[in-house]
Amino acid sequence: MRQTSFAEMHCSLARSLEVVGDWWTPLILRDVYLGIDRFADLAEDLGISRNLLTERLNGLVDDGVLRRERYRQRPPRDRYVLTESGRQLIPILVALTAWGDRWQPPDGGPPIRFEHRDHDAVPVVACGACGDAIVADELTARPGPGGRAAPGTMVLARRLATP
């Protein structure tokens, strides 16, 4: 059970983590993306309790990351489908997987390979304006239009406002 909520923080990262920051969420989204989209299959693949899986799936549906699609009326059975919001998370999850492949691989090496068209996918976080890879040493943070001192950005807002 999560002890702290980030929902009211004045920080886009914190609010994103409110939706996808639970340990199980990226794994659920990965599985749904890979076609494991039915409740029983998700529970079996992840080894997650049915109660916890129900809670996580309901939250992802409520947050607009997944939607339910009925595939059987009697008894009622749903599959889970990524929404546009959910589909936009997939490249982030693939990049995080690539980081894990490099820095935290399981014994025997990466368990999943992603392909992009006809070659192995090598994810890079790139700038949408110039196309260059984004690296930490080349980034500068500046105040945004919603920047202000509030929970989650109390000190950060002051630091960003200082030239």
C-alpha atoms as a PDB file:
ATOM      1  CA  MET A   1       0.000   0.000   0.000  1.00  0.00           C
ATOM      2  CA  ARG A   2       1.398   3.380  -0.993  1.00  0.00           C
ATOM      3  CA  GLN A   3       2.036   5.626   1.995  1.00  0.00           C
ATOM      4  CA  THR A   4       2.512   8.956   0.219  1.00  0.00           C
ATOM      5  CA  SER A   5       0.408  10.472  -2.535  1.00  0.00           C
ATOM      6  CA  PHE A   6       2.008  12.784  -5.076  1.00  0.00           C
ATOM      7  CA  ALA A   7      -1.331  13.758  -6.652  1.00  0.00           C
ATOM      8  CA  GLU A   8      -1.362  17.261  -5.177  1.00  0.00           C
ATOM      9  CA  MET A   9       2.322  18.053  -5.779  1.00  0.00           C
ATOM     10  CA  HIS A  10       3.061  20.898  -8.141  1.00  0.00           C
ATOM     11  CA  CYS A  11       5.478  18.792 -10.187  1.00  0.00           C
ATOM     12  CA  SER A  12       4.850  16.925 -13.427  1.00  0.00           C
ATOM     13  CA  LEU A  13       7.299  14.167 -12.487  1.00  0.00           C
ATOM     14  CA  ALA A  14       5.599  13.630  -9.120  1.00  0.00           C
ATOM     15  CA  ARG A  15       2.161  13.559 -10.738  1.00  0.00           C
ATOM     16  CA  SER A  16       3.416  11.090 -13.355  1.00  0.00           C
ATOM     17  CA  LEU A  17       4.763   8.877 -10.584  1.00  0.00           C
ATOM     18  CA  GLU A  18       1.341   9.014  -8.925  1.00  0.00           C
ATOM     19  CA  VAL A  19       0.020   7.213 -12.012  1.00  0.00           C
ATOM     20  CA  VAL A  20       2.896   4.924 -13.042  1.00  0.00           C
ATOM     21  CA  GLY A  21       5.274   4.895 -10.049  1.00  0.00           C
ATOM     22  CA  ASP A  22       3.989   1.750  -8.387  1.00  0.00           C
ATOM     23  CA  TRP A  23       6.358  -1.208  -8.838  1.00  0.00           C
ATOM     24  CA  TRP A  24       3.750  -3.307 -10.602  1.00  0.00           C
ATOM     25  CA  THR A  25       2.487  -0.670 -13.032  1.00  0.00           C
ATOM     26  CA  PRO A  26       5.344  -0.714 -15.583  1.00  0.00           C
ATOM     27  CA  LEU A  27       5.214  -4.516 -15.629  1.00  0.00           C
ATOM     28  CA  ILE A  28       1.455  -4.525 -16.149  1.00  0.00           C
ATOM     29  CA  LEU A  29       1.801  -2.012 -18.990  1.00  0.00           C
ATOM     30  CA  ARG A  30       4.617  -4.047 -20.554  1.00  0.00           C
ATOM     31  CA  ASP A  31       2.497  -7.184 -20.466  1.00  0.00           C
ATOM     32  CA  VAL A  32      -0.581  -5.481 -21.915  1.00  0.00           C
ATOM     33  CA  TYR A  33       1.577  -4.032 -24.692  1.00  0.00           C
ATOM     34  CA  LEU A  34       2.967  -7.510 -25.411  1.00  0.00           C
ATOM     35  CA  GLY A  35      -0.530  -8.995 -25.662  1.00  0.00           C
ATOM     36  CA  ILE A  36      -0.969 -10.386 -22.157  1.00  0.00           C
ATOM     37  CA  ASP A  37      -4.181  -8.467 -21.711  1.00  0.00           C
ATOM     38  CA  ARG A  38      -6.553 -10.698 -19.727  1.00  0.00           C
ATOM     39  CA  PHE A  39      -6.779 -10.638 -15.953  1.00  0.00           C
ATOM     40  CA  ALA A  40      -5.902 -14.307 -15.325  1.00  0.00           C
ATOM     41  CA  ASP A  41      -2.944 -14.168 -17.728  1.00  0.00           C
ATOM     42  CA  LEU A  42      -1.610 -10.994 -16.096  1.00  0.00           C
ATOM     43  CA  ALA A  43      -1.923 -12.543 -12.631  1.00  0.00           C
ATOM     44  CA  GLU A  44      -0.131 -15.701 -13.764  1.00  0.00           C
ATOM     45  CA  ASP A  45       2.642 -13.920 -15.695  1.00  0.00           C
ATOM     46  CA  LEU A  46       3.475 -11.441 -12.945  1.00  0.00           C
ATOM     47  CA  GLY A  47       2.775 -13.621  -9.912  1.00  0.00           C
ATOM     48  CA  ILE A  48       0.798 -10.733  -8.415  1.00  0.00           C
ATOM     49  CA  SER A  49      -2.134 -11.299  -6.069  1.00  0.00           C
ATOM     50  CA  ARG A  50      -5.550 -10.963  -7.665  1.00  0.00           C
ATOM     51  CA  ASN A  51      -6.577  -8.242  -5.183  1.00  0.00           C
ATOM     52  CA  LEU A  52      -3.504  -6.139  -5.901  1.00  0.00           C
ATOM     53  CA  LEU A  53      -3.852  -6.650  -9.651  1.00  0.00           C
ATOM     54  CA  THR A  54      -7.499  -5.575  -9.491  1.00  0.00           C
ATOM     55  CA  GLU A  55      -6.486  -2.431  -7.610  1.00  0.00           C
ATOM     56  CA  ARG A  56      -3.706  -1.576 -10.083  1.00  0.00           C
ATOM     57  CA  LEU A  57      -5.842  -2.227 -13.167  1.00  0.00           C
ATOM     58  CA  ASN A  58      -8.708  -0.135 -11.785  1.00  0.00           C
ATOM     59  CA  GLY A  59      -6.292   2.706 -11.081  1.00  0.00           C
ATOM     60  CA  LEU A  60      -4.812   2.557 -14.583  1.00  0.00           C
ATOM     61  CA  VAL A  61      -8.302   2.605 -16.092  1.00  0.00           C
ATOM     62  CA  ASP A  62      -9.341   5.520 -13.837  1.00  0.00           C
ATOM     63  CA  ASP A  63      -6.184   7.432 -14.833  1.00  0.00           C
ATOM     64  CA  GLY A  64      -6.854   6.882 -18.543  1.00  0.00           C
ATOM     65  CA  VAL A  65      -3.786   4.721 -19.211  1.00  0.00           C
ATOM     66  CA  LEU A  66      -5.766   1.535 -19.905  1.00  0.00           C
ATOM     67  CA  ARG A  67      -9.331   0.870 -20.979  1.00  0.00           C
ATOM     68  CA  ARG A  68     -11.446  -2.231 -20.586  1.00  0.00           C
ATOM     69  CA  GLU A  69     -12.790  -4.001 -23.638  1.00  0.00           C
ATOM     70  CA  ARG A  70     -15.445  -6.669 -23.115  1.00  0.00           C
ATOM     71  CA  TYR A  71     -14.649  -9.907 -24.941  1.00  0.00           C
ATOM     72  CA  ARG A  72     -17.302 -12.127 -23.303  1.00  0.00           C
ATOM     73  CA  GLN A  73     -20.730 -11.273 -21.931  1.00  0.00           C
ATOM     74  CA  ARG A  74     -21.466 -14.368 -19.810  1.00  0.00           C
ATOM     75  CA  PRO A  75     -19.679 -14.505 -17.541  1.00  0.00           C
ATOM     76  CA  PRO A  76     -18.480 -10.939 -18.141  1.00  0.00           C
ATOM     77  CA  ARG A  77     -14.809 -10.875 -19.108  1.00  0.00           C
ATOM     78  CA  ASP A  78     -12.689  -7.898 -20.116  1.00  0.00           C
ATOM     79  CA  ARG A  79      -9.324  -7.509 -21.723  1.00  0.00           C
ATOM     80  CA  TYR A  80      -7.175  -4.444 -21.126  1.00  0.00           C
ATOM     81  CA  VAL A  81      -6.058  -2.144 -23.925  1.00  0.00           C
ATOM     82  CA  LEU A  82      -3.557   0.698 -23.851  1.00  0.00           C
ATOM     83  CA  THR A  83      -5.051   4.133 -24.452  1.00  0.00           C
ATOM     84  CA  GLU A  84      -3.090   6.819 -26.304  1.00  0.00           C
ATOM     85  CA  SER A  85      -1.691   7.873 -22.937  1.00  0.00           C
ATOM     86  CA  GLY A  86      -0.613   4.287 -22.272  1.00  0.00           C
ATOM     87  CA  ARG A  87       0.908   3.854 -25.742  1.00  0.00           C
ATOM     88  CA  GLN A  88       3.023   6.964 -25.168  1.00  0.00           C
ATOM     89  CA  LEU A  89       4.523   5.292 -22.095  1.00  0.00           C
ATOM     90  CA  ILE A  90       5.849   2.311 -24.078  1.00  0.00           C
ATOM     91  CA  PRO A  91       8.977   4.028 -25.468  1.00  0.00           C
ATOM     92  CA  ILE A  92       9.780   5.174 -21.921  1.00  0.00           C
ATOM     93  CA  LEU A  93       9.417   1.606 -20.637  1.00  0.00           C
ATOM     94  CA  VAL A  94      11.582   0.283 -23.483  1.00  0.00           C
ATOM     95  CA  ALA A  95      14.256   2.877 -22.621  1.00  0.00           C
ATOM     96  CA  LEU A  96      14.065   1.861 -18.947  1.00  0.00           C
ATOM     97  CA  THR A  97      14.356  -1.784 -19.995  1.00  0.00           C
ATOM     98  CA  ALA A  98      17.467  -0.939 -22.043  1.00  0.00           C
ATOM     99  CA  TRP A  99      18.938   0.768 -18.964  1.00  0.00           C
ATOM    100  CA  GLY A 100      18.227  -2.406 -16.974  1.00  0.00           C
ATOM    101  CA  ASP A 101      19.788  -4.551 -19.726  1.00  0.00           C
ATOM    102  CA  ARG A 102      22.961  -2.492 -19.404  1.00  0.00           C
ATOM    103  CA  TRP A 103      23.191  -1.879 -15.653  1.00  0.00           C
ATOM    104  CA  GLN A 104      21.029  -4.556 -13.954  1.00  0.00           C
ATOM    105  CA  PRO A 105      20.746  -7.550 -16.303  1.00  0.00           C
ATOM    106  CA  PRO A 106      19.458 -10.851 -14.923  1.00  0.00           C
ATOM    107  CA  ASP A 107      21.706 -13.916 -15.071  1.00  0.00           C
ATOM    108  CA  GLY A 108      21.994 -15.034 -18.662  1.00  0.00           C
ATOM    109  CA  GLY A 109      21.388 -11.573 -20.099  1.00  0.00           C
ATOM    110  CA  PRO A 110      18.346  -9.621 -21.210  1.00  0.00           C
ATOM    111  CA  PRO A 111      15.166 -11.717 -21.243  1.00  0.00           C
ATOM    112  CA  ILE A 112      13.411  -9.605 -23.905  1.00  0.00           C
ATOM    113  CA  ARG A 113      14.676  -8.072 -27.132  1.00  0.00           C
ATOM    114  CA  PHE A 114      12.736  -5.329 -28.837  1.00  0.00           C
ATOM    115  CA  GLU A 115      12.988  -4.854 -32.580  1.00  0.00           C
ATOM    116  CA  HIS A 116      12.305  -1.658 -34.482  1.00  0.00           C
ATOM    117  CA  ARG A 117      11.226  -2.445 -38.016  1.00  0.00           C
ATOM    118  CA  ASP A 118      14.023  -4.812 -39.188  1.00  0.00           C
ATOM    119  CA  HIS A 119      16.717  -4.247 -36.540  1.00  0.00           C
ATOM    120  CA  ASP A 120      17.254  -4.424 -32.796  1.00  0.00           C
ATOM    121  CA  ALA A 121      15.810  -1.410 -31.042  1.00  0.00           C
ATOM    122  CA  VAL A 122      18.410   0.744 -29.324  1.00  0.00           C
ATOM    123  CA  PRO A 123      16.361   3.323 -27.418  1.00  0.00           C
ATOM    124  CA  VAL A 124      17.697   6.840 -27.117  1.00  0.00           C
ATOM    125  CA  VAL A 125      15.931   9.718 -25.414  1.00  0.00           C
ATOM    126  CA  ALA A 126      16.171  12.471 -27.991  1.00  0.00           C
ATOM    127  CA  CYS A 127      15.305  16.137 -28.238  1.00  0.00           C
ATOM    128  CA  GLY A 128      12.169  16.681 -30.303  1.00  0.00           C
ATOM    129  CA  ALA A 129      13.510  19.996 -31.631  1.00  0.00           C
ATOM    130  CA  CYS A 130      16.976  19.000 -32.876  1.00  0.00           C
ATOM    131  CA  GLY A 131      16.931  15.186 -32.736  1.00  0.00           C
ATOM    132  CA  ASP A 132      20.137  14.917 -30.683  1.00  0.00           C
ATOM    133  CA  ALA A 133      20.304  12.455 -27.808  1.00  0.00           C
ATOM    134  CA  ILE A 134      19.487  14.042 -24.472  1.00  0.00           C
ATOM    135  CA  VAL A 135      22.269  13.543 -21.949  1.00  0.00           C
ATOM    136  CA  ALA A 136      22.334  14.868 -18.391  1.00  0.00           C
ATOM    137  CA  ASP A 137      25.438  17.026 -18.884  1.00  0.00           C
ATOM    138  CA  GLU A 138      23.805  18.999 -21.708  1.00  0.00           C
ATOM    139  CA  LEU A 139      20.488  19.851 -20.032  1.00  0.00           C
ATOM    140  CA  THR A 140      19.587  23.097 -18.304  1.00  0.00           C
ATOM    141  CA  ALA A 141      16.415  23.458 -16.253  1.00  0.00           C
ATOM    142  CA  ARG A 142      14.491  26.731 -16.550  1.00  0.00           C
ATOM    143  CA  PRO A 143      11.201  27.825 -14.994  1.00  0.00           C
ATOM    144  CA  GLY A 144       8.124  26.720 -16.915  1.00  0.00           C
ATOM    145  CA  PRO A 145       4.855  28.601 -17.334  1.00  0.00           C
ATOM    146  CA  GLY A 146       3.383  26.867 -14.270  1.00  0.00           C
ATOM    147  CA  GLY A 147       6.530  27.227 -12.172  1.00  0.00           C
ATOM    148  CA  ARG A 148       5.949  28.349  -8.602  1.00  0.00           C
ATOM    149  CA  ALA A 149       6.916  27.416  -5.081  1.00  0.00           C
ATOM    150  CA  ALA A 150       4.464  24.696  -4.032  1.00  0.00           C
ATOM    151  CA  PRO A 151       4.669  21.215  -2.519  1.00  0.00           C
ATOM    152  CA  GLY A 152       7.108  19.300  -4.695  1.00  0.00           C
ATOM    153  CA  THR A 153       8.872  22.442  -5.990  1.00  0.00           C
ATOM    154  CA  MET A 154       9.397  24.627  -2.900  1.00  0.00           C
ATOM    155  CA  VAL A 155      13.173  24.962  -3.199  1.00  0.00           C
ATOM    156  CA  LEU A 156      13.332  24.099  -6.891  1.00  0.00           C
ATOM    157  CA  ALA A 157      11.179  27.095  -7.879  1.00  0.00           C
ATOM    158  CA  ARG A 158      13.565  29.469  -6.079  1.00  0.00           C
ATOM    159  CA  ARG A 159      16.611  27.858  -7.642  1.00  0.00           C
ATOM    160  CA  LEU A 160      15.184  27.950 -11.138  1.00  0.00           C
ATOM    161  CA  ALA A 161      14.184  31.606 -10.737  1.00  0.00           C
ATOM    162  CA  THR A 162      17.774  32.573  -9.878  1.00  0.00           C
ATOM    163  CA  PRO A 163      19.663  33.526 -13.068  1.00  0.00           C
END
